[in-house]
Amino acid sequence: MPVVESPLSRMSSGRGTPPLRNRGFTIIELLVVIAIIGTLVGLLLPAVQAVRESARRSQCSNNMKQVALGLQNYHDANRVLPPSVTNSSVDTKGRTLWSWMLFVLPYIEQANLYNACMSQSTYRMQNPMFMDTNVAAMARAAIPSLVCPADQVALLAPEAKINSAASWITFTSSKSNYLANGGANKSWSGSVDQQVRASQGAFRKAKGASFKDFTDGLSKTFLIGEAGGVPAVASDADRMPGIWAGTTNQDNTQPEISRFTNNKLNAGTADAFGSFHAGGANFAMSDASVRFIDDTINANPLLSGFDASVDALITSYLGQVSSSSRGIYERLSTRADGLTIGDF
């Protein structure tokens, strides 16, 4: 008589069980997953970039705040701001051609660099274009408080670009993205008195201005602003930031250490304020507050510079500065134009 095997015994012995098979993703399923991942990345990437830009802008603002507070402390100690560039005929220590940024160094935790410049054995502070070798090495290092983290120009590119403009220029300096507010327009030449009268920004040539001269109000006058951004002419890319060490002479337009509002914000020219931040640039006001100025701010620039050795041209410039037709942007760049400024 045949033995009847129960289903339970067949299953326990492994017989009669449906065969198992490994099942992976189909091509369609993989494509769906990839599409979902791609969509998520596409959604997250702008958010990540926005967070990074916000962090860079915040760090830039903090850097600028430190420099502005350093200038405030310098003013407290000397009752005057440093001049945009020194002039040996009015500087009691015989220093010439040095930028205002040299004098703020002790107030932004760069006292060692300042002292090294002050103690040069060969030229005794007479000229930043001829540095001792050891001082030059220090001068080419980054000064964190003067560099915007969003700027895309190499640290020493502005030095090379400025030096290539003329064979006799031999600046040794790392870049600076925070430059002096030189006023509504640039000028050149003239006596010390003429230069002082023509300099209507926060920084004057030859002789520094006192905060009592800021009759428009410290909170309504730019002190320093960002220098950088995309150039209008590609070959000018390395000229967009400045350098901290100095300028070619006290009579030139000083694009290495100052900026002006004779062109709109982010105009892409080497004498205009600008940045790599989207939509505007950071500015420190003369009360050391920091504002982000939108590049759509009302503006009516004075487009041409002038020779400050001609008194009639200075008079004409001062008349333009006090004209009510000037935009808010230009008004913020002059310390005593007598024009009111609303919200900005």
C-alpha atoms as a PDB file:
ATOM      1  CA  MET A   1       0.000   0.000   0.000  1.00  0.00           C
ATOM      2  CA  PRO A   2       1.560   3.375  -1.051  1.00  0.00           C
ATOM      3  CA  VAL A   3       2.603   5.789   1.648  1.00  0.00           C
ATOM      4  CA  VAL A   4       0.739   9.084   1.519  1.00  0.00           C
ATOM      5  CA  GLU A   5       3.005  11.979   2.377  1.00  0.00           C
ATOM      6  CA  SER A   6       1.343  14.858   4.139  1.00  0.00           C
ATOM      7  CA  PRO A   7       1.740  18.421   2.833  1.00  0.00           C
ATOM      8  CA  LEU A   8       3.346  19.398   6.135  1.00  0.00           C
ATOM      9  CA  SER A   9       6.074  16.811   5.735  1.00  0.00           C
ATOM     10  CA  ARG A  10       6.704  17.937   2.151  1.00  0.00           C
ATOM     11  CA  MET A  11       7.121  21.558   3.272  1.00  0.00           C
ATOM     12  CA  SER A  12       9.425  20.598   6.159  1.00  0.00           C
ATOM     13  CA  SER A  13      11.633  18.665   3.743  1.00  0.00           C
ATOM     14  CA  GLY A  14      11.816  21.624   1.376  1.00  0.00           C
ATOM     15  CA  ARG A  15       9.842  19.911  -1.361  1.00  0.00           C
ATOM     16  CA  GLY A  16       6.667  21.450  -2.751  1.00  0.00           C
ATOM     17  CA  THR A  17       7.653  24.997  -1.698  1.00  0.00           C
ATOM     18  CA  PRO A  18       7.353  27.651  -4.426  1.00  0.00           C
ATOM     19  CA  PRO A  19      10.849  28.553  -5.665  1.00  0.00           C
ATOM     20  CA  LEU A  20      12.224  31.827  -4.299  1.00  0.00           C
ATOM     21  CA  ARG A  21      13.709  34.409  -6.697  1.00  0.00           C
ATOM     22  CA  ASN A  22      15.653  37.620  -5.996  1.00  0.00           C
ATOM     23  CA  ARG A  23      13.745  40.640  -7.281  1.00  0.00           C
ATOM     24  CA  GLY A  24      15.687  43.950  -7.945  1.00  0.00           C
ATOM     25  CA  PHE A  25      14.615  47.351  -9.244  1.00  0.00           C
ATOM     26  CA  THR A  26      13.319  47.568 -12.741  1.00  0.00           C
ATOM     27  CA  ILE A  27      14.758  50.183 -15.086  1.00  0.00           C
ATOM     28  CA  ILE A  28      11.583  52.214 -14.806  1.00  0.00           C
ATOM     29  CA  GLU A  29      11.760  52.173 -11.013  1.00  0.00           C
ATOM     30  CA  LEU A  30      15.407  53.292 -11.117  1.00  0.00           C
ATOM     31  CA  LEU A  31      14.563  56.136 -13.462  1.00  0.00           C
ATOM     32  CA  VAL A  32      11.773  57.271 -11.156  1.00  0.00           C
ATOM     33  CA  VAL A  33      14.103  57.258  -8.131  1.00  0.00           C
ATOM     34  CA  ILE A  34      16.787  59.177 -10.025  1.00  0.00           C
ATOM     35  CA  ALA A  35      14.208  61.729 -11.143  1.00  0.00           C
ATOM     36  CA  ILE A  36      13.027  62.200  -7.561  1.00  0.00           C
ATOM     37  CA  ILE A  37      16.604  62.643  -6.291  1.00  0.00           C
ATOM     38  CA  GLY A  38      17.351  65.116  -9.075  1.00  0.00           C
ATOM     39  CA  THR A  39      14.252  67.117  -8.217  1.00  0.00           C
ATOM     40  CA  LEU A  40      15.193  67.238  -4.521  1.00  0.00           C
ATOM     41  CA  VAL A  41      18.739  68.344  -5.343  1.00  0.00           C
ATOM     42  CA  GLY A  42      17.355  71.003  -7.659  1.00  0.00           C
ATOM     43  CA  LEU A  43      15.150  72.275  -4.862  1.00  0.00           C
ATOM     44  CA  LEU A  44      17.848  72.147  -2.168  1.00  0.00           C
ATOM     45  CA  LEU A  45      20.794  73.600  -4.106  1.00  0.00           C
ATOM     46  CA  PRO A  46      19.446  77.174  -4.333  1.00  0.00           C
ATOM     47  CA  ALA A  47      18.621  77.035  -0.640  1.00  0.00           C
ATOM     48  CA  VAL A  48      22.158  75.875   0.209  1.00  0.00           C
ATOM     49  CA  GLN A  49      23.648  78.585  -1.989  1.00  0.00           C
ATOM     50  CA  ALA A  50      21.424  81.182  -0.354  1.00  0.00           C
ATOM     51  CA  VAL A  51      22.574  80.073   3.099  1.00  0.00           C
ATOM     52  CA  ARG A  52      26.209  80.241   2.023  1.00  0.00           C
ATOM     53  CA  GLU A  53      25.771  83.716   0.528  1.00  0.00           C
ATOM     54  CA  SER A  54      23.992  84.864   3.673  1.00  0.00           C
ATOM     55  CA  ALA A  55      26.948  83.635   5.724  1.00  0.00           C
ATOM     56  CA  ARG A  56      29.440  85.378   3.434  1.00  0.00           C
ATOM     57  CA  ARG A  57      27.472  88.616   3.538  1.00  0.00           C
ATOM     58  CA  SER A  58      27.263  88.419   7.328  1.00  0.00           C
ATOM     59  CA  GLN A  59      31.017  87.834   7.616  1.00  0.00           C
ATOM     60  CA  CYS A  60      31.649  90.716   5.224  1.00  0.00           C
ATOM     61  CA  SER A  61      29.454  92.953   7.374  1.00  0.00           C
ATOM     62  CA  ASN A  62      31.356  91.887  10.500  1.00  0.00           C
ATOM     63  CA  ASN A  63      34.700  92.640   8.818  1.00  0.00           C
ATOM     64  CA  MET A  64      33.494  96.069   7.769  1.00  0.00           C
ATOM     65  CA  LYS A  65      32.160  96.748  11.253  1.00  0.00           C
ATOM     66  CA  GLN A  66      35.588  95.995  12.708  1.00  0.00           C
ATOM     67  CA  VAL A  67      37.288  98.424  10.323  1.00  0.00           C
ATOM     68  CA  ALA A  68      34.685 101.125  11.007  1.00  0.00           C
ATOM     69  CA  LEU A  69      35.107 100.722  14.760  1.00  0.00           C
ATOM     70  CA  GLY A  70      38.869 100.888  14.251  1.00  0.00           C
ATOM     71  CA  LEU A  71      38.445 104.212  12.474  1.00  0.00           C
ATOM     72  CA  GLN A  72      36.191 105.417  15.281  1.00  0.00           C
ATOM     73  CA  ASN A  73      38.887 104.533  17.802  1.00  0.00           C
ATOM     74  CA  TYR A  74      41.536 106.243  15.671  1.00  0.00           C
ATOM     75  CA  HIS A  75      39.383 109.359  15.615  1.00  0.00           C
ATOM     76  CA  ASP A  76      38.911 109.207  19.391  1.00  0.00           C
ATOM     77  CA  ALA A  77      42.688 109.054  19.847  1.00  0.00           C
ATOM     78  CA  ASN A  78      43.587 111.727  17.279  1.00  0.00           C
ATOM     79  CA  ARG A  79      40.413 113.858  17.088  1.00  0.00           C
ATOM     80  CA  VAL A  80      40.520 113.418  13.323  1.00  0.00           C
ATOM     81  CA  LEU A  81      40.294 110.624  10.756  1.00  0.00           C
ATOM     82  CA  PRO A  82      43.432 109.705   8.835  1.00  0.00           C
ATOM     83  CA  PRO A  83      43.779 111.361   5.425  1.00  0.00           C
ATOM     84  CA  SER A  84      43.030 109.171   2.445  1.00  0.00           C
ATOM     85  CA  VAL A  85      46.753 109.345   1.691  1.00  0.00           C
ATOM     86  CA  THR A  86      49.564 111.051   3.591  1.00  0.00           C
ATOM     87  CA  ASN A  87      51.489 114.070   2.404  1.00  0.00           C
ATOM     88  CA  SER A  88      54.977 114.665   3.777  1.00  0.00           C
ATOM     89  CA  SER A  89      54.453 118.433   3.830  1.00  0.00           C
ATOM     90  CA  VAL A  90      51.684 118.153   6.430  1.00  0.00           C
ATOM     91  CA  ASP A  91      52.505 114.894   8.223  1.00  0.00           C
ATOM     92  CA  THR A  92      54.642 115.566  11.307  1.00  0.00           C
ATOM     93  CA  LYS A  93      56.527 112.280  10.875  1.00  0.00           C
ATOM     94  CA  GLY A  94      57.475 112.921   7.262  1.00  0.00           C
ATOM     95  CA  ARG A  95      55.406 110.037   5.944  1.00  0.00           C
ATOM     96  CA  THR A  96      54.263 110.222   2.366  1.00  0.00           C
ATOM     97  CA  LEU A  97      52.076 108.175   0.035  1.00  0.00           C
ATOM     98  CA  TRP A  98      50.774 105.812   2.713  1.00  0.00           C
ATOM     99  CA  SER A  99      47.099 104.890   2.634  1.00  0.00           C
ATOM    100  CA  TRP A 100      44.622 105.525   5.451  1.00  0.00           C
ATOM    101  CA  MET A 101      44.561 101.758   5.935  1.00  0.00           C
ATOM    102  CA  LEU A 102      48.065 101.788   7.402  1.00  0.00           C
ATOM    103  CA  PHE A 103      46.874 103.955  10.274  1.00  0.00           C
ATOM    104  CA  VAL A 104      43.891 101.783  11.136  1.00  0.00           C
ATOM    105  CA  LEU A 105      46.015  98.613  11.376  1.00  0.00           C
ATOM    106  CA  PRO A 106      46.692  98.883  15.148  1.00  0.00           C
ATOM    107  CA  TYR A 107      42.935  99.141  15.713  1.00  0.00           C
ATOM    108  CA  ILE A 108      42.054  95.975  13.759  1.00  0.00           C
ATOM    109  CA  GLU A 109      44.517  93.628  15.477  1.00  0.00           C
ATOM    110  CA  GLN A 110      47.351  94.261  13.006  1.00  0.00           C
ATOM    111  CA  ALA A 111      49.743  96.129  15.278  1.00  0.00           C
ATOM    112  CA  ASN A 112      52.678  93.903  14.291  1.00  0.00           C
ATOM    113  CA  LEU A 113      52.340  94.863  10.636  1.00  0.00           C
ATOM    114  CA  TYR A 114      51.949  98.534  11.523  1.00  0.00           C
ATOM    115  CA  ASN A 115      55.048  98.443  13.736  1.00  0.00           C
ATOM    116  CA  ALA A 116      57.039  96.672  11.029  1.00  0.00           C
ATOM    117  CA  CYS A 117      56.130  99.404   8.534  1.00  0.00           C
ATOM    118  CA  MET A 118      57.008 102.086  11.070  1.00  0.00           C
ATOM    119  CA  SER A 119      60.418 100.603  11.767  1.00  0.00           C
ATOM    120  CA  GLN A 120      61.701 100.017   8.231  1.00  0.00           C
ATOM    121  CA  SER A 121      65.451 100.459   8.337  1.00  0.00           C
ATOM    122  CA  THR A 122      65.997 101.732   4.810  1.00  0.00           C
ATOM    123  CA  TYR A 123      63.254 104.239   4.097  1.00  0.00           C
ATOM    124  CA  ARG A 124      61.949 105.015   7.575  1.00  0.00           C
ATOM    125  CA  MET A 125      58.319 105.112   6.545  1.00  0.00           C
ATOM    126  CA  GLN A 126      58.925 107.590   3.732  1.00  0.00           C
ATOM    127  CA  ASN A 127      57.254 105.602   0.990  1.00  0.00           C
ATOM    128  CA  PRO A 128      55.225 102.368   0.803  1.00  0.00           C
ATOM    129  CA  MET A 129      56.580 101.668  -2.677  1.00  0.00           C
ATOM    130  CA  PHE A 130      59.988 100.731  -1.268  1.00  0.00           C
ATOM    131  CA  MET A 131      59.619  98.242   1.560  1.00  0.00           C
ATOM    132  CA  ASP A 132      62.290  96.253   3.321  1.00  0.00           C
ATOM    133  CA  THR A 133      62.172  92.607   2.267  1.00  0.00           C
ATOM    134  CA  ASN A 134      60.805  91.289   5.548  1.00  0.00           C
ATOM    135  CA  VAL A 135      58.147  94.011   5.693  1.00  0.00           C
ATOM    136  CA  ALA A 136      57.157  93.342   2.084  1.00  0.00           C
ATOM    137  CA  ALA A 137      56.532  89.676   2.931  1.00  0.00           C
ATOM    138  CA  MET A 138      54.207  90.722   5.748  1.00  0.00           C
ATOM    139  CA  ALA A 139      52.479  93.278   3.533  1.00  0.00           C
ATOM    140  CA  ARG A 140      51.555  90.628   0.972  1.00  0.00           C
ATOM    141  CA  ALA A 141      49.808  88.389   3.504  1.00  0.00           C
ATOM    142  CA  ALA A 142      46.036  88.539   3.843  1.00  0.00           C
ATOM    143  CA  ILE A 143      44.575  90.979   6.339  1.00  0.00           C
ATOM    144  CA  PRO A 144      41.333  89.166   7.249  1.00  0.00           C
ATOM    145  CA  SER A 145      39.458  92.306   8.277  1.00  0.00           C
ATOM    146  CA  LEU A 146      40.035  93.831   4.836  1.00  0.00           C
ATOM    147  CA  VAL A 147      38.948  90.877   2.685  1.00  0.00           C
ATOM    148  CA  CYS A 148      35.350  90.050   1.746  1.00  0.00           C
ATOM    149  CA  PRO A 149      34.779  86.256   1.682  1.00  0.00           C
ATOM    150  CA  ALA A 150      32.567  86.609  -1.414  1.00  0.00           C
ATOM    151  CA  ASP A 151      35.215  88.331  -3.538  1.00  0.00           C
ATOM    152  CA  GLN A 152      36.604  86.159  -6.320  1.00  0.00           C
ATOM    153  CA  VAL A 153      39.785  88.093  -7.134  1.00  0.00           C
ATOM    154  CA  ALA A 154      43.068  86.497  -6.034  1.00  0.00           C
ATOM    155  CA  LEU A 155      44.771  88.060  -3.029  1.00  0.00           C
ATOM    156  CA  LEU A 156      47.731  89.529  -4.937  1.00  0.00           C
ATOM    157  CA  ALA A 157      46.057  90.113  -8.308  1.00  0.00           C
ATOM    158  CA  PRO A 158      45.291  93.818  -7.608  1.00  0.00           C
ATOM    159  CA  GLU A 159      48.935  94.410  -6.657  1.00  0.00           C
ATOM    160  CA  ALA A 160      50.133  93.000  -9.993  1.00  0.00           C
ATOM    161  CA  LYS A 161      47.495  94.900 -11.967  1.00  0.00           C
ATOM    162  CA  ILE A 162      48.319  98.236 -10.327  1.00  0.00           C
ATOM    163  CA  ASN A 163      52.067  97.750 -10.725  1.00  0.00           C
ATOM    164  CA  SER A 164      51.678  96.886 -14.398  1.00  0.00           C
ATOM    165  CA  ALA A 165      50.098 100.280 -15.075  1.00  0.00           C
ATOM    166  CA  ALA A 166      53.512 101.996 -14.985  1.00  0.00           C
ATOM    167  CA  SER A 167      57.031 100.603 -14.810  1.00  0.00           C
ATOM    168  CA  TRP A 168      57.997 102.799 -11.853  1.00  0.00           C
ATOM    169  CA  ILE A 169      55.139 101.588  -9.609  1.00  0.00           C
ATOM    170  CA  THR A 170      56.349  98.910  -7.215  1.00  0.00           C
ATOM    171  CA  PHE A 171      53.633  98.466  -4.620  1.00  0.00           C
ATOM    172  CA  THR A 172      53.831  95.418  -2.382  1.00  0.00           C
ATOM    173  CA  SER A 173      50.424  94.797  -0.890  1.00  0.00           C
ATOM    174  CA  SER A 174      47.631  92.297  -0.525  1.00  0.00           C
ATOM    175  CA  LYS A 175      44.139  93.298  -1.594  1.00  0.00           C
ATOM    176  CA  SER A 176      41.462  95.180   0.292  1.00  0.00           C
ATOM    177  CA  ASN A 177      37.741  95.008  -0.416  1.00  0.00           C
ATOM    178  CA  TYR A 178      36.923  97.882   1.931  1.00  0.00           C
ATOM    179  CA  LEU A 179      37.932 101.292   0.604  1.00  0.00           C
ATOM    180  CA  ALA A 180      37.458 104.891   1.653  1.00  0.00           C
ATOM    181  CA  ASN A 181      34.467 106.977   0.648  1.00  0.00           C
ATOM    182  CA  GLY A 182      36.198 109.672  -1.406  1.00  0.00           C
ATOM    183  CA  GLY A 183      33.013 111.600  -2.187  1.00  0.00           C
ATOM    184  CA  ALA A 184      30.778 112.220  -5.175  1.00  0.00           C
ATOM    185  CA  ASN A 185      33.638 112.666  -7.608  1.00  0.00           C
ATOM    186  CA  LYS A 186      37.361 112.211  -8.062  1.00  0.00           C
ATOM    187  CA  SER A 187      39.890 114.983  -8.560  1.00  0.00           C
ATOM    188  CA  TRP A 188      43.600 115.383  -9.172  1.00  0.00           C
ATOM    189  CA  SER A 189      46.414 117.931  -8.760  1.00  0.00           C
ATOM    190  CA  GLY A 190      46.133 121.110  -6.697  1.00  0.00           C
ATOM    191  CA  SER A 191      47.760 122.462  -3.555  1.00  0.00           C
ATOM    192  CA  VAL A 192      47.066 120.926  -0.154  1.00  0.00           C
ATOM    193  CA  ASP A 193      44.432 123.618   0.482  1.00  0.00           C
ATOM    194  CA  GLN A 194      42.776 122.970  -2.879  1.00  0.00           C
ATOM    195  CA  GLN A 195      42.793 119.219  -2.324  1.00  0.00           C
ATOM    196  CA  VAL A 196      41.212 119.655   1.104  1.00  0.00           C
ATOM    197  CA  ARG A 197      38.440 121.866  -0.318  1.00  0.00           C
ATOM    198  CA  ALA A 198      37.801 119.473  -3.180  1.00  0.00           C
ATOM    199  CA  SER A 199      37.627 116.374  -0.958  1.00  0.00           C
ATOM    200  CA  GLN A 200      34.021 116.174   0.192  1.00  0.00           C
ATOM    201  CA  GLY A 201      33.825 112.515   1.179  1.00  0.00           C
ATOM    202  CA  ALA A 202      34.466 111.007   4.579  1.00  0.00           C
ATOM    203  CA  PHE A 203      38.170 110.957   3.735  1.00  0.00           C
ATOM    204  CA  ARG A 204      40.056 114.037   2.634  1.00  0.00           C
ATOM    205  CA  LYS A 205      43.365 114.139   0.840  1.00  0.00           C
ATOM    206  CA  ALA A 206      46.442 115.293   2.760  1.00  0.00           C
ATOM    207  CA  LYS A 207      44.577 116.302   5.950  1.00  0.00           C
ATOM    208  CA  GLY A 208      42.027 114.072   7.617  1.00  0.00           C
ATOM    209  CA  ALA A 209      38.530 115.323   8.416  1.00  0.00           C
ATOM    210  CA  SER A 210      37.036 115.521  11.897  1.00  0.00           C
ATOM    211  CA  PHE A 211      33.606 114.109  12.695  1.00  0.00           C
ATOM    212  CA  LYS A 212      32.497 117.643  13.552  1.00  0.00           C
ATOM    213  CA  ASP A 213      32.843 118.342   9.817  1.00  0.00           C
ATOM    214  CA  PHE A 214      30.143 115.734   9.075  1.00  0.00           C
ATOM    215  CA  THR A 215      27.263 118.171   9.310  1.00  0.00           C
ATOM    216  CA  ASP A 216      24.956 115.897   7.321  1.00  0.00           C
ATOM    217  CA  GLY A 217      25.138 113.415  10.195  1.00  0.00           C
ATOM    218  CA  LEU A 218      27.377 110.418  10.837  1.00  0.00           C
ATOM    219  CA  SER A 219      24.527 107.989  10.186  1.00  0.00           C
ATOM    220  CA  LYS A 220      23.849 109.616   6.796  1.00  0.00           C
ATOM    221  CA  THR A 221      27.400 109.596   5.435  1.00  0.00           C
ATOM    222  CA  PHE A 222      29.314 106.635   4.017  1.00  0.00           C
ATOM    223  CA  LEU A 223      32.611 105.974   5.781  1.00  0.00           C
ATOM    224  CA  ILE A 224      33.858 102.986   3.799  1.00  0.00           C
ATOM    225  CA  GLY A 225      32.288 100.741   1.192  1.00  0.00           C
ATOM    226  CA  GLU A 226      32.905  97.516  -0.656  1.00  0.00           C
ATOM    227  CA  ALA A 227      35.134  97.354  -3.706  1.00  0.00           C
ATOM    228  CA  GLY A 228      34.787  94.386  -6.030  1.00  0.00           C
ATOM    229  CA  GLY A 229      32.305  92.693  -8.295  1.00  0.00           C
ATOM    230  CA  VAL A 230      31.975  91.884 -11.977  1.00  0.00           C
ATOM    231  CA  PRO A 231      33.799  94.397 -14.210  1.00  0.00           C
ATOM    232  CA  ALA A 232      32.187  96.072 -17.187  1.00  0.00           C
ATOM    233  CA  VAL A 233      35.406  95.339 -19.108  1.00  0.00           C
ATOM    234  CA  ALA A 234      36.796  91.838 -18.554  1.00  0.00           C
ATOM    235  CA  SER A 235      40.425  93.008 -18.448  1.00  0.00           C
ATOM    236  CA  ASP A 236      39.603  95.161 -15.406  1.00  0.00           C
ATOM    237  CA  ALA A 237      38.714  92.174 -13.216  1.00  0.00           C
ATOM    238  CA  ASP A 238      41.848  92.425 -11.073  1.00  0.00           C
ATOM    239  CA  ARG A 239      41.360  96.166 -10.559  1.00  0.00           C
ATOM    240  CA  MET A 240      37.976  95.862  -8.897  1.00  0.00           C
ATOM    241  CA  PRO A 241      39.307  95.487  -5.330  1.00  0.00           C
ATOM    242  CA  GLY A 242      42.029  97.818  -4.043  1.00  0.00           C
ATOM    243  CA  ILE A 243      45.233  97.367  -2.060  1.00  0.00           C
ATOM    244  CA  TRP A 244      45.840  98.470   1.505  1.00  0.00           C
ATOM    245  CA  ALA A 245      49.355  99.900   1.324  1.00  0.00           C
ATOM    246  CA  GLY A 246      49.048 103.178  -0.544  1.00  0.00           C
ATOM    247  CA  THR A 247      48.518 105.071  -3.762  1.00  0.00           C
ATOM    248  CA  THR A 248      50.798 106.394  -6.487  1.00  0.00           C
ATOM    249  CA  ASN A 249      50.804 109.953  -5.124  1.00  0.00           C
ATOM    250  CA  GLN A 250      48.659 112.319  -3.107  1.00  0.00           C
ATOM    251  CA  ASP A 251      47.469 114.106  -6.262  1.00  0.00           C
ATOM    252  CA  ASN A 252      46.043 111.206  -8.234  1.00  0.00           C
ATOM    253  CA  THR A 253      42.478 109.910  -8.207  1.00  0.00           C
ATOM    254  CA  GLN A 254      43.408 107.177  -5.691  1.00  0.00           C
ATOM    255  CA  PRO A 255      41.470 104.213  -7.135  1.00  0.00           C
ATOM    256  CA  GLU A 256      43.657 101.828  -5.117  1.00  0.00           C
ATOM    257  CA  ILE A 257      42.406 103.097  -1.753  1.00  0.00           C
ATOM    258  CA  SER A 258      39.198 105.079  -2.392  1.00  0.00           C
ATOM    259  CA  ARG A 259      35.957 104.827  -4.312  1.00  0.00           C
ATOM    260  CA  PHE A 260      33.507 107.474  -5.474  1.00  0.00           C
ATOM    261  CA  THR A 261      29.827 107.708  -6.366  1.00  0.00           C
ATOM    262  CA  ASN A 262      30.498 109.247  -9.783  1.00  0.00           C
ATOM    263  CA  ASN A 263      29.286 105.928 -11.157  1.00  0.00           C
ATOM    264  CA  LYS A 264      26.352 103.898  -9.917  1.00  0.00           C
ATOM    265  CA  LEU A 265      26.784 101.115  -7.389  1.00  0.00           C
ATOM    266  CA  ASN A 266      27.955  97.907  -9.107  1.00  0.00           C
ATOM    267  CA  ALA A 267      28.626  99.825 -12.332  1.00  0.00           C
ATOM    268  CA  GLY A 268      31.594  97.522 -12.942  1.00  0.00           C
ATOM    269  CA  THR A 269      34.183 100.312 -13.098  1.00  0.00           C
ATOM    270  CA  ALA A 270      37.347 100.395 -11.038  1.00  0.00           C
ATOM    271  CA  ASP A 271      36.499 103.692  -9.323  1.00  0.00           C
ATOM    272  CA  ALA A 272      32.976 102.633  -8.282  1.00  0.00           C
ATOM    273  CA  PHE A 273      31.803 100.776  -5.210  1.00  0.00           C
ATOM    274  CA  GLY A 274      30.610  97.237  -5.847  1.00  0.00           C
ATOM    275  CA  SER A 275      30.648  93.650  -4.624  1.00  0.00           C
ATOM    276  CA  PHE A 276      30.008  89.998  -5.468  1.00  0.00           C
ATOM    277  CA  HIS A 277      26.951  89.995  -3.214  1.00  0.00           C
ATOM    278  CA  ALA A 278      23.737  89.770  -5.193  1.00  0.00           C
ATOM    279  CA  GLY A 279      21.891  93.047  -5.574  1.00  0.00           C
ATOM    280  CA  GLY A 280      24.109  95.506  -3.755  1.00  0.00           C
ATOM    281  CA  ALA A 281      27.050  96.015  -1.404  1.00  0.00           C
ATOM    282  CA  ASN A 282      27.840  96.589   2.251  1.00  0.00           C
ATOM    283  CA  PHE A 283      28.695 100.079   3.474  1.00  0.00           C
ATOM    284  CA  ALA A 284      29.817 101.232   6.901  1.00  0.00           C
ATOM    285  CA  MET A 285      28.307 104.556   7.851  1.00  0.00           C
ATOM    286  CA  SER A 286      30.385 107.083   9.764  1.00  0.00           C
ATOM    287  CA  ASP A 287      28.694 106.115  13.039  1.00  0.00           C
ATOM    288  CA  ALA A 288      30.123 102.580  12.483  1.00  0.00           C
ATOM    289  CA  SER A 289      26.747 101.048  11.639  1.00  0.00           C
ATOM    290  CA  VAL A 290      26.775  98.765   8.589  1.00  0.00           C
ATOM    291  CA  ARG A 291      24.076  98.898   5.917  1.00  0.00           C
ATOM    292  CA  PHE A 292      23.505  96.774   2.839  1.00  0.00           C
ATOM    293  CA  ILE A 293      22.775  99.230   0.036  1.00  0.00           C
ATOM    294  CA  ASP A 294      20.643  97.940  -2.824  1.00  0.00           C
ATOM    295  CA  ASP A 295      22.138  98.729  -6.216  1.00  0.00           C
ATOM    296  CA  THR A 296      18.795 100.109  -7.346  1.00  0.00           C
ATOM    297  CA  ILE A 297      19.168 103.015  -4.910  1.00  0.00           C
ATOM    298  CA  ASN A 298      18.173 106.393  -6.368  1.00  0.00           C
ATOM    299  CA  ALA A 299      21.233 107.813  -8.130  1.00  0.00           C
ATOM    300  CA  ASN A 300      22.116 110.726 -10.393  1.00  0.00           C
ATOM    301  CA  PRO A 301      25.909 110.542 -10.673  1.00  0.00           C
ATOM    302  CA  LEU A 302      28.323 113.360 -11.529  1.00  0.00           C
ATOM    303  CA  LEU A 303      30.138 111.578 -14.298  1.00  0.00           C
ATOM    304  CA  SER A 304      33.418 113.456 -14.776  1.00  0.00           C
ATOM    305  CA  GLY A 305      36.327 114.246 -12.480  1.00  0.00           C
ATOM    306  CA  PHE A 306      38.097 117.590 -12.329  1.00  0.00           C
ATOM    307  CA  ASP A 307      41.449 119.291 -11.906  1.00  0.00           C
ATOM    308  CA  ALA A 308      41.599 120.616  -8.322  1.00  0.00           C
ATOM    309  CA  SER A 309      44.359 123.068  -9.209  1.00  0.00           C
ATOM    310  CA  VAL A 310      41.680 125.253 -10.846  1.00  0.00           C
ATOM    311  CA  ASP A 311      39.636 127.086  -8.212  1.00  0.00           C
ATOM    312  CA  ALA A 312      36.743 127.659 -10.632  1.00  0.00           C
ATOM    313  CA  LEU A 313      36.393 123.905 -11.097  1.00  0.00           C
ATOM    314  CA  ILE A 314      36.319 123.351  -7.340  1.00  0.00           C
ATOM    315  CA  THR A 315      33.595 125.994  -7.031  1.00  0.00           C
ATOM    316  CA  SER A 316      31.618 124.334  -9.825  1.00  0.00           C
ATOM    317  CA  TYR A 317      31.983 120.942  -8.156  1.00  0.00           C
ATOM    318  CA  LEU A 318      30.819 122.251  -4.790  1.00  0.00           C
ATOM    319  CA  GLY A 319      27.798 123.759  -6.524  1.00  0.00           C
ATOM    320  CA  GLN A 320      26.942 120.398  -8.041  1.00  0.00           C
ATOM    321  CA  VAL A 321      27.391 118.676  -4.682  1.00  0.00           C
ATOM    322  CA  SER A 322      24.763 120.929  -3.076  1.00  0.00           C
ATOM    323  CA  SER A 323      22.300 120.563  -5.970  1.00  0.00           C
ATOM    324  CA  SER A 324      18.954 119.014  -5.052  1.00  0.00           C
ATOM    325  CA  SER A 325      19.033 117.037  -8.307  1.00  0.00           C
ATOM    326  CA  ARG A 326      21.605 114.663  -6.863  1.00  0.00           C
ATOM    327  CA  GLY A 327      20.436 111.167  -6.020  1.00  0.00           C
ATOM    328  CA  ILE A 328      20.328 109.674  -2.532  1.00  0.00           C
ATOM    329  CA  TYR A 329      23.355 107.520  -3.349  1.00  0.00           C
ATOM    330  CA  GLU A 330      25.516 110.567  -4.115  1.00  0.00           C
ATOM    331  CA  ARG A 331      24.197 112.492  -1.109  1.00  0.00           C
ATOM    332  CA  LEU A 332      25.325 109.680   1.161  1.00  0.00           C
ATOM    333  CA  SER A 333      28.885 110.104  -0.131  1.00  0.00           C
ATOM    334  CA  THR A 334      29.336 113.758   0.928  1.00  0.00           C
ATOM    335  CA  ARG A 335      29.618 114.832   4.531  1.00  0.00           C
ATOM    336  CA  ALA A 336      28.350 118.429   4.350  1.00  0.00           C
ATOM    337  CA  ASP A 337      26.128 119.025   1.325  1.00  0.00           C
ATOM    338  CA  GLY A 338      23.194 120.318   3.419  1.00  0.00           C
ATOM    339  CA  LEU A 339      20.701 118.064   1.617  1.00  0.00           C
ATOM    340  CA  THR A 340      18.209 115.954   3.532  1.00  0.00           C
ATOM    341  CA  ILE A 341      18.071 112.210   3.092  1.00  0.00           C
ATOM    342  CA  GLY A 342      15.014 110.117   3.796  1.00  0.00           C
ATOM    343  CA  ASP A 343      14.881 106.379   4.169  1.00  0.00           C
ATOM    344  CA  PHE A 344      17.353 104.393   2.093  1.00  0.00           C
END
